[in-house]
PDB file of N, CA and C in Angstrom:
ATOM      1  N   MET A   1      12.093   9.437  10.316  1.00  0.00           N
ATOM      2  CA  MET A   1      11.863   8.801   8.921  1.00  0.00           C
ATOM      3  C   MET A   1      12.883   7.189   9.235  1.00  0.00           C
ATOM      4  N   ASP A   2      12.715   6.204   8.323  1.00  0.00           N
ATOM      5  CA  ASP A   2      13.542   5.134   8.153  1.00  0.00           C
ATOM      6  C   ASP A   2      15.102   5.769   7.156  1.00  0.00           C
ATOM      7  N   LYS A   3      16.188   5.846   7.715  1.00  0.00           N
ATOM      8  CA  LYS A   3      17.438   6.275   7.464  1.00  0.00           C
ATOM      9  C   LYS A   3      17.530   5.512   6.081  1.00  0.00           C
ATOM     10  N   SER A   4      17.173   4.316   5.985  1.00  0.00           N
ATOM     11  CA  SER A   4      17.438   3.470   4.903  1.00  0.00           C
ATOM     12  C   SER A   4      16.880   3.727   3.388  1.00  0.00           C
ATOM     13  N   MET A   5      15.495   4.717   3.704  1.00  0.00           N
ATOM     14  CA  MET A   5      15.364   4.888   2.660  1.00  0.00           C
ATOM     15  C   MET A   5      15.872   6.177   1.457  1.00  0.00           C
ATOM     16  N   LEU A   6      17.203   7.052   2.695  1.00  0.00           N
ATOM     17  CA  LEU A   6      18.050   7.380   1.647  1.00  0.00           C
ATOM     18  C   LEU A   6      19.204   6.828   0.868  1.00  0.00           C
ATOM     19  N   GLY A   7      19.161   5.450   1.039  1.00  0.00           N
ATOM     20  CA  GLY A   7      20.549   5.141   0.811  1.00  0.00           C
ATOM     21  C   GLY A   7      20.869   5.521  -0.782  1.00  0.00           C
ATOM     22  N   ASP A   8      19.810   5.123  -1.805  1.00  0.00           N
ATOM     23  CA  ASP A   8      20.217   5.265  -3.186  1.00  0.00           C
ATOM     24  C   ASP A   8      20.498   7.048  -3.495  1.00  0.00           C
ATOM     25  N   LEU A   9      20.665   7.801  -2.170  1.00  0.00           N
ATOM     26  CA  LEU A   9      20.751   9.369  -2.426  1.00  0.00           C
ATOM     27  C   LEU A   9      21.945   9.831  -1.756  1.00  0.00           C
ATOM     28  N   ASP A  10      23.059   8.990  -1.555  1.00  0.00           N
ATOM     29  CA  ASP A  10      24.360   8.977  -1.539  1.00  0.00           C
ATOM     30  C   ASP A  10      25.414   9.930  -2.279  1.00  0.00           C
ATOM     31  N   GLY A  11      24.774  10.112  -3.821  1.00  0.00           N
ATOM     32  CA  GLY A  11      25.478  11.002  -4.771  1.00  0.00           C
ATOM     33  C   GLY A  11      24.984  12.848  -4.357  1.00  0.00           C
ATOM     34  N   LEU A  12      24.187  12.799  -3.331  1.00  0.00           N
ATOM     35  CA  LEU A  12      23.358  14.365  -3.918  1.00  0.00           C
ATOM     36  C   LEU A  12      24.026  14.729  -2.129  1.00  0.00           C
ATOM     37  N   PRO A  13      23.831  16.455  -2.573  1.00  0.00           N
ATOM     38  CA  PRO A  13      24.364  17.315  -1.371  1.00  0.00           C
ATOM     39  C   PRO A  13      23.688  16.981  -0.059  1.00  0.00           C
ATOM     40  N   GLU A  14      24.186  16.927   0.854  1.00  0.00           N
ATOM     41  CA  GLU A  14      24.028  16.970   1.933  1.00  0.00           C
ATOM     42  C   GLU A  14      22.433  17.902   2.435  1.00  0.00           C
ATOM     43  N   GLU A  15      22.521  19.363   1.954  1.00  0.00           N
ATOM     44  CA  GLU A  15      21.391  19.782   1.965  1.00  0.00           C
ATOM     45  C   GLU A  15      20.252  19.039   1.321  1.00  0.00           C
ATOM     46  N   ASP A  16      20.252  19.043   0.127  1.00  0.00           N
ATOM     47  CA  ASP A  16      19.275  17.934  -1.028  1.00  0.00           C
ATOM     48  C   ASP A  16      18.838  16.900  -0.219  1.00  0.00           C
ATOM     49  N   LYS A  17      19.920  15.843   0.682  1.00  0.00           N
ATOM     50  CA  LYS A  17      19.604  14.884   1.311  1.00  0.00           C
ATOM     51  C   LYS A  17      18.429  15.152   2.514  1.00  0.00           C
ATOM     52  N   MET A  18      18.691  16.306   3.191  1.00  0.00           N
ATOM     53  CA  MET A  18      17.894  16.802   4.138  1.00  0.00           C
ATOM     54  C   MET A  18      16.194  17.230   3.509  1.00  0.00           C
ATOM     55  N   ARG A  19      16.468  18.241   2.672  1.00  0.00           N
ATOM     56  CA  ARG A  19      15.128  18.295   1.806  1.00  0.00           C
ATOM     57  C   ARG A  19      14.372  17.206   1.753  1.00  0.00           C
ATOM     58  N   MET A  20      14.799  16.237   1.092  1.00  0.00           N
ATOM     59  CA  MET A  20      14.445  14.679   0.583  1.00  0.00           C
ATOM     60  C   MET A  20      13.391  14.230   2.022  1.00  0.00           C
ATOM     61  N   ALA A  21      14.663  14.106   2.984  1.00  0.00           N
ATOM     62  CA  ALA A  21      14.036  13.653   4.112  1.00  0.00           C
ATOM     63  C   ALA A  21      12.545  13.997   4.830  1.00  0.00           C
ATOM     64  N   ALA A  22      12.739  15.579   4.766  1.00  0.00           N
ATOM     65  CA  ALA A  22      11.610  16.443   5.557  1.00  0.00           C
ATOM     66  C   ALA A  22      10.116  15.707   4.580  1.00  0.00           C
ATOM     67  N   MET A  23      10.723  16.019   3.118  1.00  0.00           N
ATOM     68  CA  MET A  23       9.544  15.379   1.999  1.00  0.00           C
ATOM     69  C   MET A  23       8.791  14.207   2.527  1.00  0.00           C
ATOM     70  N   ILE A  24       9.630  13.536   2.857  1.00  0.00           N
ATOM     71  CA  ILE A  24       9.526  11.857   3.321  1.00  0.00           C
ATOM     72  C   ILE A  24       8.896  11.686   4.097  1.00  0.00           C
ATOM     73  N   ASP A  25       9.221  12.579   5.114  1.00  0.00           N
ATOM     74  CA  ASP A  25       8.476  12.729   6.897  1.00  0.00           C
ATOM     75  C   ASP A  25       6.845  13.368   6.690  1.00  0.00           C
ATOM     76  N   GLN A  26       6.885  14.694   5.604  1.00  0.00           N
ATOM     77  CA  GLN A  26       5.305  14.960   5.106  1.00  0.00           C
ATOM     78  C   GLN A  26       4.753  13.845   4.592  1.00  0.00           C
ATOM     79  N   LEU A  27       5.076  13.461   3.422  1.00  0.00           N
ATOM     80  CA  LEU A  27       4.345  12.148   3.114  1.00  0.00           C
ATOM     81  C   LEU A  27       3.777  11.010   3.686  1.00  0.00           C
ATOM     82  N   GLN A  28       4.565  10.756   4.652  1.00  0.00           N
ATOM     83  CA  GLN A  28       4.393   9.880   5.701  1.00  0.00           C
ATOM     84  C   GLN A  28       3.210  10.096   6.809  1.00  0.00           C
ATOM     85  N   ILE A  29       3.192  11.662   6.892  1.00  0.00           N
ATOM     86  CA  ILE A  29       2.179  11.985   8.170  1.00  0.00           C
ATOM     87  C   ILE A  29       1.210  12.160   7.248  1.00  0.00           C
ATOM     88  N   ARG A  30       0.970  12.522   6.087  1.00  0.00           N
ATOM     89  CA  ARG A  30      -0.175  12.992   5.126  1.00  0.00           C
ATOM     90  C   ARG A  30      -0.730  11.598   5.017  1.00  0.00           C
ATOM     91  N   ASP A  31       0.068  10.482   4.671  1.00  0.00           N
ATOM     92  CA  ASP A  31      -0.766   9.145   4.852  1.00  0.00           C
ATOM     93  C   ASP A  31      -1.168   8.623   6.473  1.00  0.00           C
ATOM     94  N   SER A  32      -0.691   8.798   7.181  1.00  0.00           N
ATOM     95  CA  SER A  32      -1.060   8.520   8.244  1.00  0.00           C
ATOM     96  C   SER A  32      -2.435   9.321   9.039  1.00  0.00           C
ATOM     97  N   LEU A  33      -2.412  10.301   8.535  1.00  0.00           N
ATOM     98  CA  LEU A  33      -3.468  11.276   8.859  1.00  0.00           C
ATOM     99  C   LEU A  33      -4.868  10.882   7.782  1.00  0.00           C
ATOM    100  N   ARG A  34      -4.337  10.371   6.664  1.00  0.00           N
ATOM    101  CA  ARG A  34      -5.617  10.180   5.248  1.00  0.00           C
ATOM    102  C   ARG A  34      -5.979   8.729   6.257  1.00  0.00           C
ATOM    103  N   MET A  35      -5.316   8.124   6.265  1.00  0.00           N
ATOM    104  CA  MET A  35      -5.820   6.449   7.299  1.00  0.00           C
ATOM    105  C   MET A  35      -6.534   6.529   7.906  1.00  0.00           C
ATOM    106  N   TYR A  36      -6.685   7.597   9.056  1.00  0.00           N
ATOM    107  CA  TYR A  36      -6.786   7.900  10.312  1.00  0.00           C
ATOM    108  C   TYR A  36      -8.160   8.431  10.016  1.00  0.00           C
ATOM    109  N   ASN A  37      -8.396   9.328   9.310  1.00  0.00           N
ATOM    110  CA  ASN A  37      -9.425  10.097   8.675  1.00  0.00           C
ATOM    111  C   ASN A  37     -10.380   8.852   8.036  1.00  0.00           C
ATOM    112  N   ASN A  38     -10.045   7.819   6.893  1.00  0.00           N
ATOM    113  CA  ASN A  38     -10.410   7.219   6.596  1.00  0.00           C
ATOM    114  C   ASN A  38     -11.498   6.328   7.411  1.00  0.00           C
ATOM    115  N   LEU A  39     -10.713   5.799   8.347  1.00  0.00           N
ATOM    116  CA  LEU A  39     -11.052   4.540   9.260  1.00  0.00           C
ATOM    117  C   LEU A  39     -12.181   5.377  10.360  1.00  0.00           C
ATOM    118  N   VAL A  40     -12.243   6.752  10.399  1.00  0.00           N
ATOM    119  CA  VAL A  40     -13.148   7.416  11.442  1.00  0.00           C
ATOM    120  C   VAL A  40     -14.581   7.452  10.628  1.00  0.00           C
ATOM    121  N   GLU A  41     -14.140   7.871   9.248  1.00  0.00           N
ATOM    122  CA  GLU A  41     -15.377   8.033   8.176  1.00  0.00           C
ATOM    123  C   GLU A  41     -15.977   6.671   8.214  1.00  0.00           C
ATOM    124  N   ARG A  42     -15.203   5.844   7.752  1.00  0.00           N
ATOM    125  CA  ARG A  42     -16.091   4.551   7.500  1.00  0.00           C
ATOM    126  C   ARG A  42     -16.740   4.077   9.026  1.00  0.00           C
ATOM    127  N   CYS A  43     -16.088   3.558  10.109  1.00  0.00           N
ATOM    128  CA  CYS A  43     -16.481   3.058  11.129  1.00  0.00           C
ATOM    129  C   CYS A  43     -17.609   3.870  11.418  1.00  0.00           C
ATOM    130  N   PHE A  44     -17.833   5.341  11.654  1.00  0.00           N
ATOM    131  CA  PHE A  44     -18.580   6.417  11.913  1.00  0.00           C
ATOM    132  C   PHE A  44     -19.981   5.948  11.265  1.00  0.00           C
ATOM    133  N   THR A  45     -19.484   5.830   9.771  1.00  0.00           N
ATOM    134  CA  THR A  45     -20.879   5.524   8.287  1.00  0.00           C
ATOM    135  C   THR A  45     -21.519   4.310   8.829  1.00  0.00           C
ATOM    136  N   ASP A  46     -20.901   3.262   9.141  1.00  0.00           N
ATOM    137  CA  ASP A  46     -21.292   1.937   9.039  1.00  0.00           C
ATOM    138  C   ASP A  46     -22.090   1.723  10.587  1.00  0.00           C
ATOM    139  N   CYS A  47     -21.323   2.260  11.446  1.00  0.00           N
ATOM    140  CA  CYS A  47     -21.814   2.062  13.140  1.00  0.00           C
ATOM    141  C   CYS A  47     -22.687   2.853  13.832  1.00  0.00           C
ATOM    142  N   VAL A  48     -22.678   4.261  13.294  1.00  0.00           N
ATOM    143  CA  VAL A  48     -23.539   5.227  14.044  1.00  0.00           C
ATOM    144  C   VAL A  48     -25.132   5.458  13.585  1.00  0.00           C
ATOM    145  N   ASP A  49     -26.045   4.904  13.892  1.00  0.00           N
ATOM    146  CA  ASP A  49     -27.315   5.270  12.861  1.00  0.00           C
ATOM    147  C   ASP A  49     -28.465   6.558  13.354  1.00  0.00           C
ATOM    148  N   THR A  50     -28.280   6.410  15.058  1.00  0.00           N
ATOM    149  CA  THR A  50     -28.852   7.815  15.292  1.00  0.00           C
ATOM    150  C   THR A  50     -28.217   9.211  15.875  1.00  0.00           C
ATOM    151  N   PHE A  51     -28.709  10.121  16.457  1.00  0.00           N
ATOM    152  CA  PHE A  51     -27.979  10.864  17.406  1.00  0.00           C
ATOM    153  C   PHE A  51     -29.052  11.295  18.434  1.00  0.00           C
ATOM    154  N   ARG A  52     -29.441   9.682  19.083  1.00  0.00           N
ATOM    155  CA  ARG A  52     -30.343  10.154  20.593  1.00  0.00           C
ATOM    156  C   ARG A  52     -29.781  10.684  21.464  1.00  0.00           C
ATOM    157  N   ARG A  53     -28.211  10.607  22.025  1.00  0.00           N
ATOM    158  CA  ARG A  53     -27.672  10.971  23.154  1.00  0.00           C
ATOM    159  C   ARG A  53     -26.404  11.605  22.327  1.00  0.00           C
ATOM    160  N   LYS A  54     -25.344  12.076  23.349  1.00  0.00           N
ATOM    161  CA  LYS A  54     -23.707  12.414  23.145  1.00  0.00           C
ATOM    162  C   LYS A  54     -23.105  11.537  23.118  1.00  0.00           C
ATOM    163  N   THR A  55     -23.770  10.560  23.569  1.00  0.00           N
ATOM    164  CA  THR A  55     -22.390   9.031  23.899  1.00  0.00           C
ATOM    165  C   THR A  55     -22.982   7.696  23.018  1.00  0.00           C
ATOM    166  N   LEU A  56     -22.306   6.929  22.646  1.00  0.00           N
ATOM    167  CA  LEU A  56     -22.393   6.051  21.807  1.00  0.00           C
ATOM    168  C   LEU A  56     -23.054   4.779  22.797  1.00  0.00           C
ATOM    169  N   ASP A  57     -24.024   3.915  22.080  1.00  0.00           N
ATOM    170  CA  ASP A  57     -24.875   3.268  23.254  1.00  0.00           C
ATOM    171  C   ASP A  57     -23.982   1.862  23.093  1.00  0.00           C
ATOM    172  N   LYS A  58     -23.900   0.665  23.831  1.00  0.00           N
ATOM    173  CA  LYS A  58     -23.180  -0.195  23.934  1.00  0.00           C
ATOM    174  C   LYS A  58     -23.119  -0.701  21.945  1.00  0.00           C
ATOM    175  N   GLN A  59     -23.968  -0.927  21.407  1.00  0.00           N
ATOM    176  CA  GLN A  59     -23.986  -1.540  20.465  1.00  0.00           C
ATOM    177  C   GLN A  59     -23.185  -0.971  19.011  1.00  0.00           C
ATOM    178  N   GLU A  60     -23.317   0.504  19.190  1.00  0.00           N
ATOM    179  CA  GLU A  60     -22.373   1.213  18.205  1.00  0.00           C
ATOM    180  C   GLU A  60     -21.113   1.388  18.711  1.00  0.00           C
ATOM    181  N   GLU A  61     -20.150   1.488  20.367  1.00  0.00           N
ATOM    182  CA  GLU A  61     -19.576   0.897  20.197  1.00  0.00           C
ATOM    183  C   GLU A  61     -18.762  -0.066  20.200  1.00  0.00           C
ATOM    184  N   SER A  62     -19.550  -1.046  20.552  1.00  0.00           N
ATOM    185  CA  SER A  62     -19.054  -2.448  20.466  1.00  0.00           C
ATOM    186  C   SER A  62     -18.762  -2.488  18.528  1.00  0.00           C
ATOM    187  N   CYS A  63     -19.792  -2.067  17.644  1.00  0.00           N
ATOM    188  CA  CYS A  63     -19.514  -2.311  16.242  1.00  0.00           C
ATOM    189  C   CYS A  63     -17.878  -1.092  15.857  1.00  0.00           C
ATOM    190  N   VAL A  64     -18.029  -0.291  16.335  1.00  0.00           N
ATOM    191  CA  VAL A  64     -16.778   1.048  15.910  1.00  0.00           C
ATOM    192  C   VAL A  64     -15.518   0.128  16.748  1.00  0.00           C
ATOM    193  N   ARG A  65     -15.850  -0.810  17.789  1.00  0.00           N
ATOM    194  CA  ARG A  65     -14.629  -1.139  17.869  1.00  0.00           C
ATOM    195  C   ARG A  65     -14.190  -2.202  16.998  1.00  0.00           C
ATOM    196  N   ARG A  66     -14.812  -3.068  16.584  1.00  0.00           N
ATOM    197  CA  ARG A  66     -14.792  -3.895  15.735  1.00  0.00           C
ATOM    198  C   ARG A  66     -14.120  -3.337  14.278  1.00  0.00           C
ATOM    199  N   CYS A  67     -15.328  -2.561  13.861  1.00  0.00           N
ATOM    200  CA  CYS A  67     -14.795  -1.945  12.513  1.00  0.00           C
ATOM    201  C   CYS A  67     -13.081  -1.642  12.560  1.00  0.00           C
ATOM    202  N   ALA A  68     -12.782  -0.788  13.806  1.00  0.00           N
ATOM    203  CA  ALA A  68     -11.369  -0.010  13.605  1.00  0.00           C
ATOM    204  C   ALA A  68     -10.382  -1.537  13.855  1.00  0.00           C
ATOM    205  N   GLU A  69     -10.938  -2.165  14.723  1.00  0.00           N
ATOM    206  CA  GLU A  69      -9.751  -3.521  15.146  1.00  0.00           C
ATOM    207  C   GLU A  69      -9.454  -4.117  13.566  1.00  0.00           C
ATOM    208  N   LYS A  70     -10.621  -4.133  12.630  1.00  0.00           N
ATOM    209  CA  LYS A  70     -10.556  -4.814  11.464  1.00  0.00           C
ATOM    210  C   LYS A  70     -10.107  -4.035  10.243  1.00  0.00           C
ATOM    211  N   PHE A  71     -10.007  -2.603  10.305  1.00  0.00           N
ATOM    212  CA  PHE A  71      -9.348  -2.067   9.263  1.00  0.00           C
ATOM    213  C   PHE A  71      -7.863  -1.908   9.508  1.00  0.00           C
ATOM    214  N   LEU A  72      -7.600  -1.781  10.797  1.00  0.00           N
ATOM    215  CA  LEU A  72      -5.968  -1.602  11.402  1.00  0.00           C
ATOM    216  C   LEU A  72      -5.461  -2.516  10.755  1.00  0.00           C
ATOM    217  N   LYS A  73      -6.028  -4.140  11.019  1.00  0.00           N
ATOM    218  CA  LYS A  73      -5.542  -5.517  10.831  1.00  0.00           C
ATOM    219  C   LYS A  73      -5.282  -5.332   9.007  1.00  0.00           C
ATOM    220  N   HIS A  74      -6.717  -4.748   8.705  1.00  0.00           N
ATOM    221  CA  HIS A  74      -6.263  -4.943   7.327  1.00  0.00           C
ATOM    222  C   HIS A  74      -5.082  -4.004   6.613  1.00  0.00           C
ATOM    223  N   SER A  75      -5.158  -2.944   6.913  1.00  0.00           N
ATOM    224  CA  SER A  75      -4.088  -1.838   6.674  1.00  0.00           C
ATOM    225  C   SER A  75      -2.594  -2.309   7.230  1.00  0.00           C
ATOM    226  N   MET A  76      -2.724  -3.402   8.458  1.00  0.00           N
ATOM    227  CA  MET A  76      -1.263  -3.647   8.484  1.00  0.00           C
ATOM    228  C   MET A  76      -0.888  -4.703   7.446  1.00  0.00           C
ATOM    229  N   ARG A  77      -1.769  -5.548   7.208  1.00  0.00           N
ATOM    230  CA  ARG A  77      -1.514  -6.878   6.534  1.00  0.00           C
ATOM    231  C   ARG A  77      -1.342  -6.545   4.944  1.00  0.00           C
ATOM    232  N   VAL A  78      -1.416  -5.252   4.474  1.00  0.00           N
ATOM    233  CA  VAL A  78      -1.674  -4.836   3.271  1.00  0.00           C
ATOM    234  C   VAL A  78      -0.011  -3.804   3.346  1.00  0.00           C
ATOM    235  N   GLY A  79       0.367  -3.620   4.153  1.00  0.00           N
ATOM    236  CA  GLY A  79       1.520  -2.603   4.386  1.00  0.00           C
ATOM    237  C   GLY A  79       2.745  -4.155   4.064  1.00  0.00           C
ATOM    238  N   MET A  80       2.407  -5.241   4.733  1.00  0.00           N
ATOM    239  CA  MET A  80       3.583  -6.328   5.104  1.00  0.00           C
ATOM    240  C   MET A  80       3.490  -6.833   3.825  1.00  0.00           C
ATOM    241  N   ARG A  81       2.391  -6.852   2.993  1.00  0.00           N
ATOM    242  CA  ARG A  81       2.310  -7.524   1.891  1.00  0.00           C
ATOM    243  C   ARG A  81       3.242  -6.799   1.151  1.00  0.00           C
ATOM    244  N   PHE A  82       2.817  -5.344   0.852  1.00  0.00           N
ATOM    245  CA  PHE A  82       3.676  -4.705  -0.170  1.00  0.00           C
ATOM    246  C   PHE A  82       5.352  -4.662  -0.048  1.00  0.00           C
ATOM    247  N   ALA A  83       5.380  -4.646   1.589  1.00  0.00           N
ATOM    248  CA  ALA A  83       6.871  -4.577   2.000  1.00  0.00           C
ATOM    249  C   ALA A  83       7.441  -6.315   1.318  1.00  0.00           C
ATOM    250  N   GLU A  84       6.750  -7.219   1.412  1.00  0.00           N
ATOM    251  CA  GLU A  84       7.442  -8.516   0.688  1.00  0.00           C
ATOM    252  C   GLU A  84       7.591  -8.250  -0.597  1.00  0.00           C
ATOM    253  N   LEU A  85       6.704  -7.821  -0.928  1.00  0.00           N
ATOM    254  CA  LEU A  85       6.590  -7.913  -2.584  1.00  0.00           C
ATOM    255  C   LEU A  85       7.816  -7.062  -3.229  1.00  0.00           C
ATOM    256  N   ASN A  86       8.066  -5.794  -2.624  1.00  0.00           N
ATOM    257  CA  ASN A  86       9.017  -4.325  -2.824  1.00  0.00           C
ATOM    258  C   ASN A  86      10.549  -5.582  -2.367  1.00  0.00           C
ATOM    259  N   GLN A  87      10.402  -6.559  -1.251  1.00  0.00           N
ATOM    260  CA  GLN A  87      11.918  -6.897  -1.065  1.00  0.00           C
ATOM    261  C   GLN A  87      12.253  -7.654  -2.567  1.00  0.00           C
ATOM    262  N   GLY A  88      11.155  -8.039  -2.908  1.00  0.00           N
ATOM    263  CA  GLY A  88      11.442  -9.100  -3.751  1.00  0.00           C
ATOM    264  C   GLY A  88      11.967  -8.294  -5.327  1.00  0.00           C
ATOM    265  N   VAL A  89      11.340  -7.321  -5.335  1.00  0.00           N
ATOM    266  CA  VAL A  89      11.804  -6.378  -6.803  1.00  0.00           C
ATOM    267  C   VAL A  89      13.131  -6.162  -6.359  1.00  0.00           C
ATOM    268  N   ALA A  90      13.446  -5.890  -5.124  1.00  0.00           N
ATOM    269  CA  ALA A  90      14.510  -4.634  -4.935  1.00  0.00           C
ATOM    270  C   ALA A  90      16.008  -5.328  -5.875  1.00  0.00           C
ATOM    271  N   THR A  91      16.717  -4.175  -6.560  1.00  0.00           N
ATOM    272  CA  THR A  91      18.038  -5.258  -6.889  1.00  0.00           C
ATOM    273  C   THR A  91      19.134  -4.518  -6.634  1.00  0.00           C
ATOM    274  N   PRO A  92      19.741  -6.071  -6.519  1.00  0.00           N
ATOM    275  CA  PRO A  92      21.350  -5.571  -5.432  1.00  0.00           C
ATOM    276  C   PRO A  92      22.144  -4.282  -6.021  1.00  0.00           C
ATOM    277  N   ASP A  93      23.007  -3.419  -4.993  1.00  0.00           N
ATOM    278  CA  ASP A  93      23.545  -2.566  -5.211  1.00  0.00           C
ATOM    279  C   ASP A  93      25.069  -2.888  -6.241  1.00  0.00           C
TER     280      ASP A  93
END
């Protein structure tokens, strides 16, 4: 976890800071897993048409690869934009 996220918690006891850090870590893990699950579900639904074989055929494989790349690029762009907006809203201490 990024320690700068705890900057506003300076007045709290150390035990509470540790609890908050653990909660933030859990939320970040949950969000990462949710994003991964969304990626898998979306790309599988869009790209896999049949279950003729155990492996993906070349068309399905390239579709999944393109889908995953688009999804990750989009997620990164949204995250960067969100960070930019948060920087503009930040108030000086």
